[in-house]
Amino acid sequence: MNTKIPYLLALLVLCLAVDGCKLHSESVRFSPELKPKQGDIGQGKTLGLAVADTRPDKQVGIVGDPKIEAITVTAEEGSPSLVYQQTADALTKMGFKVEPASDASERSLRVEIRELQYESLKRPFKYDAKAKVLVGAIARSSSGRYERTYETEETGEYGTPPNQSTISKSINGLLSAAIDDVLADKQLLDVLAK
């Protein structure tokens, strides 16, 4: 009979731990940290910049078990303004004089957040996480037009449901990597620098 006590205690602790992992809706704020190469690619040329969230569905993803209990992950309203500021700062470090894009802009770059996916599904003893970001870029100048999509993704495992900090770090890490890829694209920069 005494041999069952440790087993029952372990079961009780597990039940308390599972009950303590209640899920709460999460909201992600876009705040990429870009690492542009400093230089004088832009040579002081004026560049019109636009950043848009063009995702058809503003929900980012889910955490939990969709059949039992799951919460949605969304993006905060107005988040693209931080993406604009970070991208403008990076382009300035690259030698461009950045201003908001308009129809009169001689050269322009439009960055579109086209897809954000975050999914952390409950398994028997862990949460499997998968995140994906698609960013589109459209560069225009008198030398032509260039458009491309940049994709980044990652997977991971967690012992408990990922919290807002973990989700934000994942999404913003991928968003940063995708925009860094935009700013390192030689063909895109060639169009903007002419």
C-alpha atoms as a PDB file:
ATOM      1  CA  MET A   1       0.000   0.000   0.000  1.00  0.00           C
ATOM      2  CA  ASN A   2       2.881   2.396   0.760  1.00  0.00           C
ATOM      3  CA  THR A   3       4.267   1.868  -2.741  1.00  0.00           C
ATOM      4  CA  LYS A   4       1.173   3.516  -4.218  1.00  0.00           C
ATOM      5  CA  ILE A   5       1.618   6.782  -2.312  1.00  0.00           C
ATOM      6  CA  PRO A   6       4.433   8.202  -4.552  1.00  0.00           C
ATOM      7  CA  TYR A   7       2.398   7.278  -7.621  1.00  0.00           C
ATOM      8  CA  LEU A   8      -0.716   9.040  -6.257  1.00  0.00           C
ATOM      9  CA  LEU A   9       1.317  12.114  -5.297  1.00  0.00           C
ATOM     10  CA  ALA A  10       2.827  12.276  -8.777  1.00  0.00           C
ATOM     11  CA  LEU A  11      -0.649  11.993 -10.303  1.00  0.00           C
ATOM     12  CA  LEU A  12      -1.956  14.773  -8.043  1.00  0.00           C
ATOM     13  CA  VAL A  13       0.963  17.073  -8.968  1.00  0.00           C
ATOM     14  CA  LEU A  14       0.362  16.366 -12.664  1.00  0.00           C
ATOM     15  CA  CYS A  15      -3.341  17.213 -12.329  1.00  0.00           C
ATOM     16  CA  LEU A  16      -2.525  20.497 -10.556  1.00  0.00           C
ATOM     17  CA  ALA A  17       0.103  21.368 -13.165  1.00  0.00           C
ATOM     18  CA  VAL A  18      -2.294  20.722 -16.049  1.00  0.00           C
ATOM     19  CA  ASP A  19      -5.014  22.818 -14.390  1.00  0.00           C
ATOM     20  CA  GLY A  20      -2.450  25.579 -13.826  1.00  0.00           C
ATOM     21  CA  CYS A  21      -1.781  25.824 -17.584  1.00  0.00           C
ATOM     22  CA  LYS A  22      -4.946  27.733 -18.460  1.00  0.00           C
ATOM     23  CA  LEU A  23      -4.774  29.340 -21.889  1.00  0.00           C
ATOM     24  CA  HIS A  24      -5.292  33.071 -22.459  1.00  0.00           C
ATOM     25  CA  SER A  25      -5.717  34.872 -25.789  1.00  0.00           C
ATOM     26  CA  GLU A  26      -2.482  36.452 -26.993  1.00  0.00           C
ATOM     27  CA  SER A  27      -1.758  39.500 -29.130  1.00  0.00           C
ATOM     28  CA  VAL A  28       1.514  40.081 -30.979  1.00  0.00           C
ATOM     29  CA  ARG A  29       3.015  43.503 -31.578  1.00  0.00           C
ATOM     30  CA  PHE A  30       5.222  43.768 -34.674  1.00  0.00           C
ATOM     31  CA  SER A  31       8.626  45.054 -33.576  1.00  0.00           C
ATOM     32  CA  PRO A  32      11.362  43.735 -35.853  1.00  0.00           C
ATOM     33  CA  GLU A  33      15.017  44.374 -35.060  1.00  0.00           C
ATOM     34  CA  LEU A  34      16.784  44.801 -38.372  1.00  0.00           C
ATOM     35  CA  LYS A  35      20.498  44.378 -39.045  1.00  0.00           C
ATOM     36  CA  PRO A  36      21.219  46.222 -42.297  1.00  0.00           C
ATOM     37  CA  LYS A  37      24.684  46.473 -43.766  1.00  0.00           C
ATOM     38  CA  GLN A  38      25.820  50.045 -43.416  1.00  0.00           C
ATOM     39  CA  GLY A  39      27.060  51.678 -46.557  1.00  0.00           C
ATOM     40  CA  ASP A  40      26.268  54.194 -49.208  1.00  0.00           C
ATOM     41  CA  ILE A  41      24.203  52.075 -51.593  1.00  0.00           C
ATOM     42  CA  GLY A  42      21.541  54.797 -51.737  1.00  0.00           C
ATOM     43  CA  GLN A  43      24.020  57.633 -52.363  1.00  0.00           C
ATOM     44  CA  GLY A  44      21.609  60.103 -50.760  1.00  0.00           C
ATOM     45  CA  LYS A  45      18.806  59.348 -53.237  1.00  0.00           C
ATOM     46  CA  THR A  46      15.243  59.930 -52.090  1.00  0.00           C
ATOM     47  CA  LEU A  47      13.240  56.740 -51.596  1.00  0.00           C
ATOM     48  CA  GLY A  48       9.499  56.554 -50.992  1.00  0.00           C
ATOM     49  CA  LEU A  49       8.704  53.785 -48.489  1.00  0.00           C
ATOM     50  CA  ALA A  50       5.361  52.134 -47.791  1.00  0.00           C
ATOM     51  CA  VAL A  51       4.643  49.269 -45.371  1.00  0.00           C
ATOM     52  CA  ALA A  52       1.306  47.453 -45.400  1.00  0.00           C
ATOM     53  CA  ASP A  53      -0.300  44.523 -43.625  1.00  0.00           C
ATOM     54  CA  THR A  54      -2.015  42.812 -46.583  1.00  0.00           C
ATOM     55  CA  ARG A  55      -2.960  39.581 -44.810  1.00  0.00           C
ATOM     56  CA  PRO A  56      -6.553  38.615 -45.720  1.00  0.00           C
ATOM     57  CA  ASP A  57      -7.048  37.066 -42.256  1.00  0.00           C
ATOM     58  CA  LYS A  58      -5.729  39.131 -39.334  1.00  0.00           C
ATOM     59  CA  GLN A  59      -5.624  36.089 -37.047  1.00  0.00           C
ATOM     60  CA  VAL A  60      -2.032  34.912 -36.631  1.00  0.00           C
ATOM     61  CA  GLY A  61      -2.747  31.424 -35.300  1.00  0.00           C
ATOM     62  CA  ILE A  62      -3.744  29.211 -32.402  1.00  0.00           C
ATOM     63  CA  VAL A  63      -2.311  27.686 -29.248  1.00  0.00           C
ATOM     64  CA  GLY A  64      -3.730  24.553 -27.625  1.00  0.00           C
ATOM     65  CA  ASP A  65      -5.914  21.697 -28.804  1.00  0.00           C
ATOM     66  CA  PRO A  66      -8.517  22.860 -31.362  1.00  0.00           C
ATOM     67  CA  LYS A  67     -10.854  20.003 -30.356  1.00  0.00           C
ATOM     68  CA  ILE A  68     -10.787  20.780 -26.606  1.00  0.00           C
ATOM     69  CA  GLU A  69      -9.377  24.178 -25.648  1.00  0.00           C
ATOM     70  CA  ALA A  70      -7.500  26.607 -27.857  1.00  0.00           C
ATOM     71  CA  ILE A  71      -6.883  30.333 -27.954  1.00  0.00           C
ATOM     72  CA  THR A  72      -6.286  32.611 -30.894  1.00  0.00           C
ATOM     73  CA  VAL A  73      -3.186  34.691 -31.506  1.00  0.00           C
ATOM     74  CA  THR A  74      -3.784  38.046 -33.212  1.00  0.00           C
ATOM     75  CA  ALA A  75      -1.678  41.058 -34.188  1.00  0.00           C
ATOM     76  CA  GLU A  76      -2.151  44.433 -32.514  1.00  0.00           C
ATOM     77  CA  GLU A  77      -3.788  47.173 -34.564  1.00  0.00           C
ATOM     78  CA  GLY A  78      -1.343  49.741 -35.907  1.00  0.00           C
ATOM     79  CA  SER A  79       1.639  47.410 -35.662  1.00  0.00           C
ATOM     80  CA  PRO A  80       2.943  48.073 -39.219  1.00  0.00           C
ATOM     81  CA  SER A  81       4.005  51.587 -38.156  1.00  0.00           C
ATOM     82  CA  LEU A  82       6.857  50.029 -36.141  1.00  0.00           C
ATOM     83  CA  VAL A  83       7.839  47.958 -39.185  1.00  0.00           C
ATOM     84  CA  TYR A  84       7.850  51.174 -41.248  1.00  0.00           C
ATOM     85  CA  GLN A  85      10.080  52.965 -38.719  1.00  0.00           C
ATOM     86  CA  GLN A  86      12.566  50.091 -38.445  1.00  0.00           C
ATOM     87  CA  THR A  87      12.737  49.684 -42.243  1.00  0.00           C
ATOM     88  CA  ALA A  88      13.128  53.432 -42.771  1.00  0.00           C
ATOM     89  CA  ASP A  89      15.965  53.533 -40.217  1.00  0.00           C
ATOM     90  CA  ALA A  90      17.688  50.593 -41.933  1.00  0.00           C
ATOM     91  CA  LEU A  91      17.393  52.181 -45.397  1.00  0.00           C
ATOM     92  CA  THR A  92      18.749  55.460 -44.007  1.00  0.00           C
ATOM     93  CA  LYS A  93      21.807  53.591 -42.717  1.00  0.00           C
ATOM     94  CA  MET A  94      22.198  52.241 -46.244  1.00  0.00           C
ATOM     95  CA  GLY A  95      22.447  55.762 -47.665  1.00  0.00           C
ATOM     96  CA  PHE A  96      18.860  56.493 -48.791  1.00  0.00           C
ATOM     97  CA  LYS A  97      16.870  59.577 -47.867  1.00  0.00           C
ATOM     98  CA  VAL A  98      13.584  57.935 -46.830  1.00  0.00           C
ATOM     99  CA  GLU A  99      10.153  59.555 -46.976  1.00  0.00           C
ATOM    100  CA  PRO A 100       6.579  58.180 -47.107  1.00  0.00           C
ATOM    101  CA  ALA A 101       5.809  56.824 -50.580  1.00  0.00           C
ATOM    102  CA  SER A 102       3.484  58.776 -52.855  1.00  0.00           C
ATOM    103  CA  ASP A 103       2.467  58.721 -56.517  1.00  0.00           C
ATOM    104  CA  ALA A 104       5.154  61.332 -57.122  1.00  0.00           C
ATOM    105  CA  SER A 105       7.972  59.173 -55.717  1.00  0.00           C
ATOM    106  CA  GLU A 106      10.664  58.663 -58.362  1.00  0.00           C
ATOM    107  CA  ARG A 107      11.815  55.479 -56.637  1.00  0.00           C
ATOM    108  CA  SER A 108       9.802  53.511 -54.103  1.00  0.00           C
ATOM    109  CA  LEU A 109       9.803  50.381 -51.998  1.00  0.00           C
ATOM    110  CA  ARG A 110       6.598  48.779 -50.781  1.00  0.00           C
ATOM    111  CA  VAL A 111       6.970  46.127 -48.069  1.00  0.00           C
ATOM    112  CA  GLU A 112       3.920  43.914 -47.537  1.00  0.00           C
ATOM    113  CA  ILE A 113       3.329  41.594 -44.602  1.00  0.00           C
ATOM    114  CA  ARG A 114       1.507  38.935 -46.617  1.00  0.00           C
ATOM    115  CA  GLU A 115       1.268  36.037 -44.198  1.00  0.00           C
ATOM    116  CA  LEU A 116       1.898  35.348 -40.513  1.00  0.00           C
ATOM    117  CA  GLN A 117       1.208  31.915 -39.081  1.00  0.00           C
ATOM    118  CA  TYR A 118       1.798  30.685 -35.559  1.00  0.00           C
ATOM    119  CA  GLU A 119       0.556  27.336 -34.356  1.00  0.00           C
ATOM    120  CA  SER A 120       1.380  25.589 -31.088  1.00  0.00           C
ATOM    121  CA  LEU A 121      -0.602  22.366 -30.800  1.00  0.00           C
ATOM    122  CA  LYS A 122      -0.894  20.335 -27.621  1.00  0.00           C
ATOM    123  CA  ARG A 123       0.571  16.833 -27.667  1.00  0.00           C
ATOM    124  CA  PRO A 124       0.575  14.353 -24.752  1.00  0.00           C
ATOM    125  CA  PHE A 125       3.558  15.909 -22.908  1.00  0.00           C
ATOM    126  CA  LYS A 126       4.519  18.958 -24.980  1.00  0.00           C
ATOM    127  CA  TYR A 127       3.411  21.694 -27.353  1.00  0.00           C
ATOM    128  CA  ASP A 128       4.709  21.505 -30.930  1.00  0.00           C
ATOM    129  CA  ALA A 129       5.152  25.007 -32.365  1.00  0.00           C
ATOM    130  CA  LYS A 130       5.432  26.089 -35.976  1.00  0.00           C
ATOM    131  CA  ALA A 131       5.745  29.659 -37.254  1.00  0.00           C
ATOM    132  CA  LYS A 132       5.938  31.107 -40.753  1.00  0.00           C
ATOM    133  CA  VAL A 133       6.229  34.634 -42.157  1.00  0.00           C
ATOM    134  CA  LEU A 134       5.865  35.796 -45.776  1.00  0.00           C
ATOM    135  CA  VAL A 135       6.955  39.312 -46.683  1.00  0.00           C
ATOM    136  CA  GLY A 136       6.613  40.754 -50.164  1.00  0.00           C
ATOM    137  CA  ALA A 137       8.650  43.625 -51.585  1.00  0.00           C
ATOM    138  CA  ILE A 138       7.959  45.724 -54.658  1.00  0.00           C
ATOM    139  CA  ALA A 139      10.732  48.060 -55.800  1.00  0.00           C
ATOM    140  CA  ARG A 140      10.180  50.680 -58.524  1.00  0.00           C
ATOM    141  CA  SER A 141      12.435  53.238 -60.134  1.00  0.00           C
ATOM    142  CA  SER A 142      13.132  54.680 -63.567  1.00  0.00           C
ATOM    143  CA  SER A 143      15.232  51.556 -64.266  1.00  0.00           C
ATOM    144  CA  GLY A 144      12.262  49.201 -63.819  1.00  0.00           C
ATOM    145  CA  ARG A 145      10.242  47.164 -61.358  1.00  0.00           C
ATOM    146  CA  TYR A 146      11.249  44.235 -59.164  1.00  0.00           C
ATOM    147  CA  GLU A 147       8.978  42.089 -56.979  1.00  0.00           C
ATOM    148  CA  ARG A 148       9.745  39.127 -54.768  1.00  0.00           C
ATOM    149  CA  THR A 149       8.363  37.205 -51.785  1.00  0.00           C
ATOM    150  CA  TYR A 150      10.616  36.322 -48.842  1.00  0.00           C
ATOM    151  CA  GLU A 151       9.696  33.411 -46.580  1.00  0.00           C
ATOM    152  CA  THR A 152      11.064  32.425 -43.175  1.00  0.00           C
ATOM    153  CA  GLU A 153       9.886  29.687 -40.829  1.00  0.00           C
ATOM    154  CA  GLU A 154      10.838  27.799 -37.677  1.00  0.00           C
ATOM    155  CA  THR A 155       9.653  24.933 -35.482  1.00  0.00           C
ATOM    156  CA  GLY A 156      10.076  24.214 -31.766  1.00  0.00           C
ATOM    157  CA  GLU A 157       8.820  22.309 -28.723  1.00  0.00           C
ATOM    158  CA  TYR A 158       7.619  23.628 -25.356  1.00  0.00           C
ATOM    159  CA  GLY A 159       6.686  21.899 -22.106  1.00  0.00           C
ATOM    160  CA  THR A 160       3.865  24.386 -21.437  1.00  0.00           C
ATOM    161  CA  PRO A 161       1.748  26.601 -23.703  1.00  0.00           C
ATOM    162  CA  PRO A 162       3.982  29.372 -25.120  1.00  0.00           C
ATOM    163  CA  ASN A 163       3.270  32.779 -23.563  1.00  0.00           C
ATOM    164  CA  GLN A 164       2.957  36.154 -25.283  1.00  0.00           C
ATOM    165  CA  SER A 165       6.665  36.870 -24.928  1.00  0.00           C
ATOM    166  CA  THR A 166       7.647  33.567 -26.579  1.00  0.00           C
ATOM    167  CA  ILE A 167       5.133  33.999 -29.417  1.00  0.00           C
ATOM    168  CA  SER A 168       6.190  37.623 -30.035  1.00  0.00           C
ATOM    169  CA  LYS A 169       9.868  36.675 -30.034  1.00  0.00           C
ATOM    170  CA  SER A 170       9.233  33.945 -32.611  1.00  0.00           C
ATOM    171  CA  ILE A 171       7.069  36.089 -34.926  1.00  0.00           C
ATOM    172  CA  ASN A 172       9.317  39.156 -34.690  1.00  0.00           C
ATOM    173  CA  GLY A 173      12.454  37.075 -35.192  1.00  0.00           C
ATOM    174  CA  LEU A 174      11.034  35.673 -38.421  1.00  0.00           C
ATOM    175  CA  LEU A 175       9.713  39.082 -39.517  1.00  0.00           C
ATOM    176  CA  SER A 176      13.153  40.600 -38.878  1.00  0.00           C
ATOM    177  CA  ALA A 177      14.862  37.850 -40.892  1.00  0.00           C
ATOM    178  CA  ALA A 178      12.453  38.307 -43.831  1.00  0.00           C
ATOM    179  CA  ILE A 179      12.904  42.098 -43.952  1.00  0.00           C
ATOM    180  CA  ASP A 180      16.680  41.700 -43.573  1.00  0.00           C
ATOM    181  CA  ASP A 181      16.472  39.431 -46.648  1.00  0.00           C
ATOM    182  CA  VAL A 182      14.617  42.230 -48.503  1.00  0.00           C
ATOM    183  CA  LEU A 183      17.341  44.730 -47.599  1.00  0.00           C
ATOM    184  CA  ALA A 184      20.094  42.314 -48.663  1.00  0.00           C
ATOM    185  CA  ASP A 185      18.537  41.467 -52.056  1.00  0.00           C
ATOM    186  CA  LYS A 186      21.084  42.693 -54.610  1.00  0.00           C
ATOM    187  CA  GLN A 187      18.587  42.832 -57.504  1.00  0.00           C
ATOM    188  CA  LEU A 188      16.127  44.879 -55.455  1.00  0.00           C
ATOM    189  CA  LEU A 189      18.871  47.269 -54.328  1.00  0.00           C
ATOM    190  CA  ASP A 190      20.108  47.629 -57.913  1.00  0.00           C
ATOM    191  CA  VAL A 191      16.633  48.835 -58.968  1.00  0.00           C
ATOM    192  CA  LEU A 192      16.425  51.306 -56.072  1.00  0.00           C
ATOM    193  CA  ALA A 193      19.973  52.650 -56.429  1.00  0.00           C
ATOM    194  CA  LYS A 194      19.647  53.628 -60.105  1.00  0.00           C
END
